[in-house]
């Protein structure tokens, strides 16, 4: 007798980084496992939205560089990348809307996935960066306060949903398998929005509220980083098997963005630093040096990342963290005017540009070879659906773990794993 699971239920395997999500992602003739497995549109991951923060962050980088007289960077680059980001974000949005219209159950599966739904933060991060990168040199300064309120409200709402899910996700035996004990790098998407809101609020002269948002983000920064470093070995193994290795770059992003945010919010209280005021302080240096430590960690594992044959689309998520680190060095150079700091500033700017070029080449190569939308996690889920439909009378439920293993759960026994 097969095990019956409610469509909204989420059961998990014994490995908390490999979810089994039997939510009936097929419901019509157009959404059979066979048709979905052959559809490029159905395999289009929500990580495609990483194109927006990737390009918008480079627009912001060029805006920041052009505002400093020692760089000699023309502001036209800010304008060019800003419009390219609009074009790229529009293409990604239209493509995903087509997926929603054609395969709504697959989209529902992504939204319920305890790790995949973090990727939707890329849209909000991209919007924050687009506003911060607005080419005011050409169009004048916009009214930022209402935009800040709207985006911050979106950050609060989305965080309440995601954080609430992590606190209350309970499996069939009562274990909190996807809570803060088992943090995955994509959880760090949620932190970036807090610190981007702080930066935008400082630009909108909402200094006190920006500081409040910054402190909320700092609280979750402590919580997530402590948990992530305790769980990093398992998270790296899962990223390797699910071909999402570039997500490891996210370790750099929150600390670097927090560095920029603190410098901005302190500038609102103390001035822009032109009088020699040190806006970094102890907190700014704390986040800045943590971002450097994260860079060292990523460099230590970069060889395995490049050798893991990661899927193409997750590489977009590796771009804006490198830009954030470069911009943190720019802020640090405003305080510490030494040739060494200036050299590192240009070095990390060059790294950010190299990562962008590498990602574009990687995306282009995957497009030509037809592997752009490869999604091993969805493929395993489809195997689970087919096995459930074809072998329902066998008395066992076959699920797909995110690491490329089958999980069989027989009636009266717990789940156990067998390698494919």
Protein backbone atom coordinates (compact mmCIF):
# COMPACT_ATOMS: atom_id res chain seq x y z
CA UNK A 1 0.00 0.00 0.00
CA UNK A 2 1.58 3.31 -1.06
CA UNK A 3 2.15 6.08 1.42
CA UNK A 4 -0.24 8.97 0.79
CA UNK A 5 1.20 12.44 1.29
CA UNK A 6 -0.80 15.66 1.22
CA UNK A 7 0.21 17.83 -1.78
CA UNK A 8 1.31 20.67 0.51
CA UNK A 9 3.34 18.43 2.78
CA UNK A 10 7.09 18.39 2.60
CA UNK A 11 8.88 15.27 3.77
CA UNK A 12 12.61 15.24 4.16
CA UNK A 13 15.28 12.62 4.01
CA UNK A 14 17.71 11.96 6.81
CA UNK A 15 20.13 14.40 5.18
CA UNK A 16 18.76 17.88 5.86
CA UNK A 17 20.45 19.34 2.78
CA UNK A 18 18.67 16.96 0.38
CA UNK A 19 14.95 17.68 0.36
CA UNK A 20 12.24 15.39 -0.95
CA UNK A 21 9.36 17.55 -2.11
CA UNK A 22 6.45 15.41 -3.33
CA UNK A 23 4.05 18.27 -4.09
CA UNK A 24 2.62 16.80 -7.30
CA UNK A 25 4.44 19.06 -9.75
CA UNK A 26 2.48 17.42 -12.59
CA UNK A 27 -1.24 18.00 -12.80
CA UNK A 28 -2.22 18.12 -16.50
CA UNK A 29 -1.38 16.71 -19.91
CA UNK A 30 1.00 19.63 -20.47
CA UNK A 31 2.83 18.90 -17.22
CA UNK A 32 3.67 15.21 -17.46
CA UNK A 33 7.14 14.22 -16.21
CA UNK A 34 8.17 13.31 -19.74
CA UNK A 35 7.25 16.73 -21.15
CA UNK A 36 8.76 18.63 -18.26
CA UNK A 37 12.03 16.70 -18.47
CA UNK A 38 12.36 17.69 -22.15
CA UNK A 39 11.37 21.33 -21.66
CA UNK A 40 14.09 23.95 -21.38
CA UNK A 41 11.54 26.43 -20.07
CA UNK A 42 10.53 24.15 -17.21
CA UNK A 43 14.20 23.76 -16.22
CA UNK A 44 14.79 27.51 -16.14
CA UNK A 45 15.81 28.08 -12.52
CA UNK A 46 14.83 31.13 -10.50
CA UNK A 47 18.57 31.71 -10.10
CA UNK A 48 18.39 33.30 -13.57
CA UNK A 49 17.35 36.47 -11.75
CA UNK A 50 20.96 36.75 -10.65
CA UNK A 51 21.59 38.59 -13.93
CA UNK A 52 19.93 41.70 -12.47
CA UNK A 53 22.11 42.15 -9.34
CA UNK A 54 25.17 41.03 -11.34
CA UNK A 55 24.86 43.82 -13.89
CA UNK A 56 23.35 46.40 -11.52
CA UNK A 57 26.22 45.92 -9.07
CA UNK A 58 28.74 46.69 -11.80
CA UNK A 59 26.77 49.80 -12.68
CA UNK A 60 26.99 50.82 -9.01
CA UNK A 61 30.72 50.04 -8.96
CA UNK A 62 31.35 52.35 -11.91
CA UNK A 63 29.17 55.02 -10.30
CA UNK A 64 31.23 54.80 -7.11
CA UNK A 65 34.53 54.86 -8.98
CA UNK A 66 33.53 57.84 -11.12
CA UNK A 67 32.60 59.80 -7.96
CA UNK A 68 36.21 59.53 -6.74
CA UNK A 69 38.68 61.86 -8.40
CA UNK A 70 41.61 59.45 -8.00
CA UNK A 71 40.07 56.84 -10.33
CA UNK A 72 39.49 58.81 -13.58
CA UNK A 73 36.59 56.47 -14.44
CA UNK A 74 34.00 58.11 -16.74
CA UNK A 75 30.38 58.10 -15.48
CA UNK A 76 29.16 56.88 -18.86
CA UNK A 77 30.04 53.32 -17.78
CA UNK A 78 27.54 53.63 -14.94
CA UNK A 79 24.86 54.63 -17.46
CA UNK A 80 25.71 51.85 -19.93
CA UNK A 81 25.65 49.06 -17.35
CA UNK A 82 22.47 50.45 -15.79
CA UNK A 83 20.57 50.12 -19.08
CA UNK A 84 22.14 46.72 -19.77
CA UNK A 85 20.90 45.61 -16.33
CA UNK A 86 17.39 46.78 -17.22
CA UNK A 87 17.50 44.81 -20.46
CA UNK A 88 18.88 41.67 -18.80
CA UNK A 89 16.41 41.84 -15.93
CA UNK A 90 13.50 42.30 -18.34
CA UNK A 91 14.52 39.24 -20.36
CA UNK A 92 14.80 37.16 -17.18
CA UNK A 93 11.41 38.36 -15.92
CA UNK A 94 9.63 37.65 -19.21
CA UNK A 95 11.20 34.18 -19.43
CA UNK A 96 10.11 33.33 -15.90
CA UNK A 97 6.61 34.64 -16.47
CA UNK A 98 6.37 32.23 -19.41
CA UNK A 99 7.44 29.45 -17.08
CA UNK A 100 4.76 30.47 -14.56
CA UNK A 101 2.14 30.41 -17.30
CA UNK A 102 3.27 27.11 -18.83
CA UNK A 103 4.43 25.15 -15.77
CA UNK A 104 2.81 26.63 -12.64
CA UNK A 105 3.31 23.46 -10.60
CA UNK A 106 7.05 23.49 -11.23
CA UNK A 107 7.16 27.10 -10.04
CA UNK A 108 5.18 26.10 -6.95
CA UNK A 109 7.75 23.38 -6.33
CA UNK A 110 10.53 25.97 -6.48
CA UNK A 111 8.68 28.29 -4.09
CA UNK A 112 8.16 25.50 -1.55
CA UNK A 113 11.71 24.21 -1.85
CA UNK A 114 13.41 25.13 1.45
CA UNK A 115 16.63 26.10 -0.35
CA UNK A 116 15.51 27.14 -3.83
CA UNK A 117 13.03 29.76 -2.63
CA UNK A 118 15.97 31.81 -1.28
CA UNK A 119 16.91 32.58 -4.89
CA UNK A 120 13.85 34.81 -5.23
CA UNK A 121 15.73 37.31 -3.08
CA UNK A 122 17.83 38.01 -6.16
CA UNK A 123 14.95 40.07 -7.54
CA UNK A 124 14.81 42.28 -4.45
CA UNK A 125 18.60 42.58 -4.27
CA UNK A 126 18.61 43.61 -7.92
CA UNK A 127 15.97 46.29 -7.32
CA UNK A 128 17.95 47.75 -4.41
CA UNK A 129 21.10 47.85 -6.53
CA UNK A 130 19.29 49.42 -9.49
CA UNK A 131 18.08 52.28 -7.29
CA UNK A 132 21.51 52.75 -5.71
CA UNK A 133 23.14 52.68 -9.16
CA UNK A 134 20.70 55.19 -10.66
CA UNK A 135 22.80 57.39 -13.00
CA UNK A 136 22.09 60.67 -11.20
CA UNK A 137 24.97 62.30 -13.08
CA UNK A 138 22.74 62.27 -16.17
CA UNK A 139 19.18 62.24 -14.82
CA UNK A 140 19.45 64.13 -11.53
CA UNK A 141 18.85 62.83 -8.03
CA UNK A 142 15.53 60.94 -7.67
CA UNK A 143 13.21 61.05 -4.67
CA UNK A 144 14.51 58.07 -2.74
CA UNK A 145 12.35 58.07 0.39
CA UNK A 146 9.18 56.40 -1.04
CA UNK A 147 11.30 53.90 -2.95
CA UNK A 148 13.17 53.07 0.24
CA UNK A 149 9.92 52.50 2.14
CA UNK A 150 8.56 50.18 -0.57
CA UNK A 151 11.71 48.08 -0.94
CA UNK A 152 12.28 47.88 2.81
CA UNK A 153 8.67 46.74 3.30
CA UNK A 154 9.33 44.03 0.70
CA UNK A 155 12.47 43.02 2.59
CA UNK A 156 10.55 42.84 5.87
CA UNK A 157 7.70 40.83 4.33
CA UNK A 158 9.91 38.37 2.48
CA UNK A 159 12.15 37.93 5.50
CA UNK A 160 9.16 37.30 7.76
CA UNK A 161 8.06 34.53 5.39
CA UNK A 162 11.48 32.91 4.90
CA UNK A 163 12.63 33.23 8.51
CA UNK A 164 9.26 31.94 9.69
CA UNK A 165 9.57 28.93 7.40
CA UNK A 166 12.99 28.12 8.81
CA UNK A 167 11.75 28.37 12.37
CA UNK A 168 8.65 26.25 11.80
CA UNK A 169 9.61 23.69 9.14
CA UNK A 170 9.09 20.38 10.86
CA UNK A 171 9.39 16.96 9.29
CA UNK A 172 7.26 13.90 10.00
CA UNK A 173 9.28 12.91 13.06
CA UNK A 174 9.26 16.42 14.49
CA UNK A 175 12.79 17.41 13.59
CA UNK A 176 13.58 20.92 12.40
CA UNK A 177 15.62 19.76 9.40
CA UNK A 178 15.87 23.10 7.59
CA UNK A 179 16.22 25.48 10.50
CA UNK A 180 19.23 27.51 11.45
CA UNK A 181 21.20 24.44 12.52
CA UNK A 182 21.70 23.51 8.86
CA UNK A 183 22.44 26.78 7.08
CA UNK A 184 23.14 26.72 3.34
CA UNK A 185 24.93 29.58 1.49
CA UNK A 186 21.75 30.68 -0.28
CA UNK A 187 20.40 31.63 3.17
CA UNK A 188 22.81 34.59 2.95
CA UNK A 189 20.67 36.19 0.25
CA UNK A 190 18.36 37.23 3.07
CA UNK A 191 21.12 39.21 4.80
CA UNK A 192 22.14 41.30 1.81
CA UNK A 193 18.76 43.04 1.61
CA UNK A 194 19.03 44.39 5.16
CA UNK A 195 22.33 46.11 4.46
CA UNK A 196 21.30 47.37 1.02
CA UNK A 197 18.24 48.88 2.69
CA UNK A 198 20.59 50.58 5.15
CA UNK A 199 22.63 52.10 2.30
CA UNK A 200 19.55 53.29 0.44
CA UNK A 201 18.01 54.68 3.63
CA UNK A 202 21.18 56.65 4.34
CA UNK A 203 21.00 58.12 0.82
CA UNK A 204 17.35 58.99 1.54
CA UNK A 205 18.34 60.75 4.81
CA UNK A 206 16.56 58.13 6.92
CA UNK A 207 19.55 57.76 9.21
CA UNK A 208 17.86 56.56 12.39
CA UNK A 209 15.65 54.03 10.63
CA UNK A 210 18.60 52.90 8.53
CA UNK A 211 20.55 52.20 11.70
CA UNK A 212 17.60 50.16 12.99
CA UNK A 213 17.54 48.09 9.79
CA UNK A 214 21.31 47.66 10.01
CA UNK A 215 21.09 46.27 13.52
CA UNK A 216 18.38 43.78 12.50
CA UNK A 217 20.62 42.58 9.69
CA UNK A 218 23.54 42.36 12.11
CA UNK A 219 21.55 40.13 14.44
CA UNK A 220 20.78 37.67 11.65
CA UNK A 221 24.36 38.02 10.36
CA UNK A 222 25.64 36.57 13.65
CA UNK A 223 23.02 33.83 13.64
CA UNK A 224 23.56 32.71 10.06
CA UNK A 225 27.34 32.92 9.92
CA UNK A 226 27.84 30.94 13.11
CA UNK A 227 25.52 28.23 11.77
CA UNK A 228 27.01 28.32 8.27
CA UNK A 229 30.60 27.82 9.36
CA UNK A 230 29.52 24.94 11.58
CA UNK A 231 27.76 23.33 8.61
CA UNK A 232 30.07 24.37 5.78
CA UNK A 233 31.43 20.91 5.01
CA UNK A 234 27.99 19.43 4.43
CA UNK A 235 26.85 22.51 2.52
CA UNK A 236 29.85 22.27 0.17
CA UNK A 237 29.11 18.59 -0.48
CA UNK A 238 25.52 19.43 -1.33
CA UNK A 239 26.58 22.28 -3.64
CA UNK A 240 28.93 19.91 -5.44
CA UNK A 241 26.21 17.32 -6.08
CA UNK A 242 23.55 19.87 -7.05
CA UNK A 243 26.04 21.76 -9.28
CA UNK A 244 25.53 25.04 -7.41
CA UNK A 245 29.14 25.57 -6.33
CA UNK A 246 29.23 29.29 -7.25
CA UNK A 247 26.87 29.98 -4.36
CA UNK A 248 29.92 29.73 -2.11
CA UNK A 249 30.81 33.25 -3.30
CA UNK A 250 27.85 34.48 -1.26
CA UNK A 251 29.93 34.07 1.89
CA UNK A 252 31.69 37.31 0.90
CA UNK A 253 28.61 39.39 0.15
CA UNK A 254 26.85 40.23 3.46
CA UNK A 255 30.00 41.39 5.28
CA UNK A 256 31.16 43.50 2.35
CA UNK A 257 27.72 45.09 1.85
CA UNK A 258 27.50 45.70 5.61
CA UNK A 259 30.85 47.53 5.44
CA UNK A 260 29.48 49.90 2.79
CA UNK A 261 26.19 50.32 4.66
CA UNK A 262 27.91 51.21 7.94
CA UNK A 263 30.13 53.76 6.22
CA UNK A 264 27.08 55.37 4.64
CA UNK A 265 24.93 55.46 7.74
CA UNK A 266 27.81 56.88 9.78
CA UNK A 267 28.31 59.46 7.06
CA UNK A 268 24.73 60.55 7.65
CA UNK A 269 25.50 61.20 11.31
CA UNK A 270 29.08 62.50 11.05
CA UNK A 271 29.48 63.81 7.52
CA UNK A 272 30.94 62.37 4.35
CA UNK A 273 34.44 62.08 5.78
CA UNK A 274 35.86 64.99 3.77
CA UNK A 275 36.92 66.64 7.04
CA UNK A 276 39.00 63.62 8.01
CA UNK A 277 36.30 61.96 10.12
CA UNK A 278 36.74 58.20 10.34
CA UNK A 279 33.32 56.80 9.44
CA UNK A 280 34.52 53.20 9.59
CA UNK A 281 35.02 52.84 13.29
CA UNK A 282 35.22 49.47 15.00
CA UNK A 283 32.00 48.09 13.49
CA UNK A 284 32.99 49.01 9.93
CA UNK A 285 36.36 47.36 10.37
CA UNK A 286 34.73 44.28 11.92
CA UNK A 287 32.63 43.67 8.82
CA UNK A 288 35.42 44.69 6.44
CA UNK A 289 37.96 42.28 7.88
CA UNK A 290 35.34 39.53 7.96
CA UNK A 291 34.77 40.07 4.24
CA UNK A 292 38.52 39.63 3.70
CA UNK A 293 38.42 36.38 5.69
CA UNK A 294 35.53 35.21 3.51
CA UNK A 295 37.56 36.02 0.38
CA UNK A 296 40.40 33.85 1.68
CA UNK A 297 37.95 31.01 2.30
CA UNK A 298 36.52 31.25 -1.21
CA UNK A 299 40.00 31.39 -2.76
CA UNK A 300 40.92 28.32 -0.76
CA UNK A 301 38.08 26.39 -2.39
CA UNK A 302 38.05 28.08 -5.82
CA UNK A 303 39.84 25.17 -7.47
CA UNK A 304 37.14 22.72 -6.43
CA UNK A 305 34.48 25.22 -7.52
CA UNK A 306 35.91 25.49 -11.02
CA UNK A 307 36.44 21.74 -11.26
CA UNK A 308 32.91 20.84 -10.12
CA UNK A 309 31.31 21.56 -13.52
CA UNK A 310 28.65 23.70 -11.85
CA UNK A 311 25.48 24.60 -13.69
CA UNK A 312 25.70 27.87 -15.61
CA UNK A 313 22.90 29.97 -14.12
CA UNK A 314 24.17 29.88 -10.49
CA UNK A 315 27.30 31.69 -11.68
CA UNK A 316 25.28 34.92 -11.84
CA UNK A 317 25.12 34.79 -8.04
CA UNK A 318 28.93 34.90 -7.87
CA UNK A 319 29.19 38.30 -9.56
CA UNK A 320 27.71 40.82 -7.13
CA UNK A 321 29.61 39.47 -4.07
CA UNK A 322 32.94 40.21 -5.79
CA UNK A 323 31.70 43.72 -6.62
CA UNK A 324 30.65 44.21 -3.00
CA UNK A 325 34.16 43.34 -1.81
CA UNK A 326 35.69 45.79 -4.32
CA UNK A 327 33.37 48.56 -3.12
CA UNK A 328 34.22 47.78 0.51
CA UNK A 329 37.88 48.37 -0.36
CA UNK A 330 36.93 51.70 -1.96
CA UNK A 331 35.26 52.75 1.29
CA UNK A 332 38.28 51.60 3.27
CA UNK A 333 40.60 53.61 1.04
CA UNK A 334 38.64 56.74 1.96
CA UNK A 335 39.86 56.19 5.52
CA UNK A 336 43.28 54.60 5.02
CA UNK A 337 45.09 56.47 2.23
CA UNK A 338 48.03 54.19 1.55
CA UNK A 339 49.44 52.79 -1.71
CA UNK A 340 48.87 49.25 -0.43
CA UNK A 341 45.14 49.82 0.17
CA UNK A 342 44.84 51.57 -3.17
CA UNK A 343 46.53 48.63 -4.88
CA UNK A 344 44.18 46.13 -3.25
CA UNK A 345 41.24 48.31 -4.25
CA UNK A 346 42.17 48.10 -7.92
CA UNK A 347 42.99 44.41 -7.55
CA UNK A 348 39.52 43.56 -6.29
CA UNK A 349 37.91 45.77 -8.93
CA UNK A 350 39.84 43.76 -11.53
CA UNK A 351 38.71 40.50 -9.91
CA UNK A 352 35.10 41.67 -10.09
CA UNK A 353 35.45 42.43 -13.79
CA UNK A 354 37.15 39.10 -14.47
CA UNK A 355 34.37 37.21 -12.66
CA UNK A 356 31.76 39.07 -14.74
CA UNK A 357 33.54 38.21 -18.00
CA UNK A 358 34.00 34.59 -16.90
CA UNK A 359 30.30 34.32 -16.03
CA UNK A 360 29.20 35.78 -19.37
CA UNK A 361 31.50 33.35 -21.20
CA UNK A 362 30.21 30.47 -19.06
CA UNK A 363 26.59 31.42 -19.78
CA UNK A 364 27.33 31.79 -23.50
CA UNK A 365 29.08 28.44 -23.67
CA UNK A 366 26.23 26.72 -21.85
CA UNK A 367 23.73 28.32 -24.23
CA UNK A 368 25.60 27.04 -27.27
CA UNK A 369 25.99 23.54 -25.83
CA UNK A 370 22.36 23.37 -24.68
CA UNK A 371 23.18 23.00 -20.97
CA UNK A 372 22.17 26.49 -19.82
CA UNK A 373 19.10 25.36 -17.90
CA UNK A 374 20.47 22.10 -16.49
CA UNK A 375 18.71 21.44 -13.18
CA UNK A 376 19.74 18.16 -11.53
CA UNK A 377 17.51 18.79 -8.53
CA UNK A 378 14.38 19.09 -10.71
CA UNK A 379 15.44 16.04 -12.72
CA UNK A 380 15.63 13.97 -9.54
CA UNK A 381 12.23 15.26 -8.50
CA UNK A 382 10.80 14.15 -11.85
CA UNK A 383 12.33 10.70 -11.32
CA UNK A 384 10.52 10.60 -8.00
CA UNK A 385 7.20 11.52 -9.64
CA UNK A 386 7.60 8.89 -12.35
CA UNK A 387 8.58 6.23 -9.81
CA UNK A 388 5.60 7.12 -7.65
CA UNK A 389 3.26 6.89 -10.63
CA UNK A 390 4.74 3.68 -12.01
CA UNK A 391 5.47 1.75 -8.82
CA UNK A 392 2.77 2.89 -6.43
CA UNK A 393 1.65 -0.64 -5.69
CA UNK A 394 5.01 -1.75 -4.46
CA UNK A 395 4.46 -0.26 -1.04
CA UNK A 396 7.36 2.15 -1.13
CA UNK A 397 7.83 5.79 -2.02
CA UNK A 398 10.84 6.70 -4.08
CA UNK A 399 12.14 10.21 -3.67
CA UNK A 400 15.05 12.16 -5.00
CA UNK A 401 17.58 13.73 -2.75
CA UNK A 402 19.30 16.90 -3.88
CA UNK A 403 22.72 15.22 -3.97
CA UNK A 404 22.00 12.75 -6.74
CA UNK A 405 20.85 9.80 -4.63
CA UNK A 406 17.64 7.86 -4.44
CA UNK A 407 15.80 7.80 -1.16
CA UNK A 408 13.42 4.91 -0.53
CA UNK A 409 10.93 5.09 2.26
CA UNK A 410 9.08 1.86 2.98
CA UNK A 411 5.98 1.58 5.06
CA UNK A 412 6.92 1.12 8.69
CA UNK A 413 10.55 2.13 8.24
CA UNK A 414 12.54 5.32 8.10
CA UNK A 415 14.23 6.65 4.98
CA UNK A 416 17.53 5.24 3.89
CA UNK A 417 19.80 6.03 0.92
CA UNK A 418 21.06 4.00 -1.97
CA UNK A 419 23.49 5.51 -4.48
CA UNK A 420 22.33 5.58 -8.06
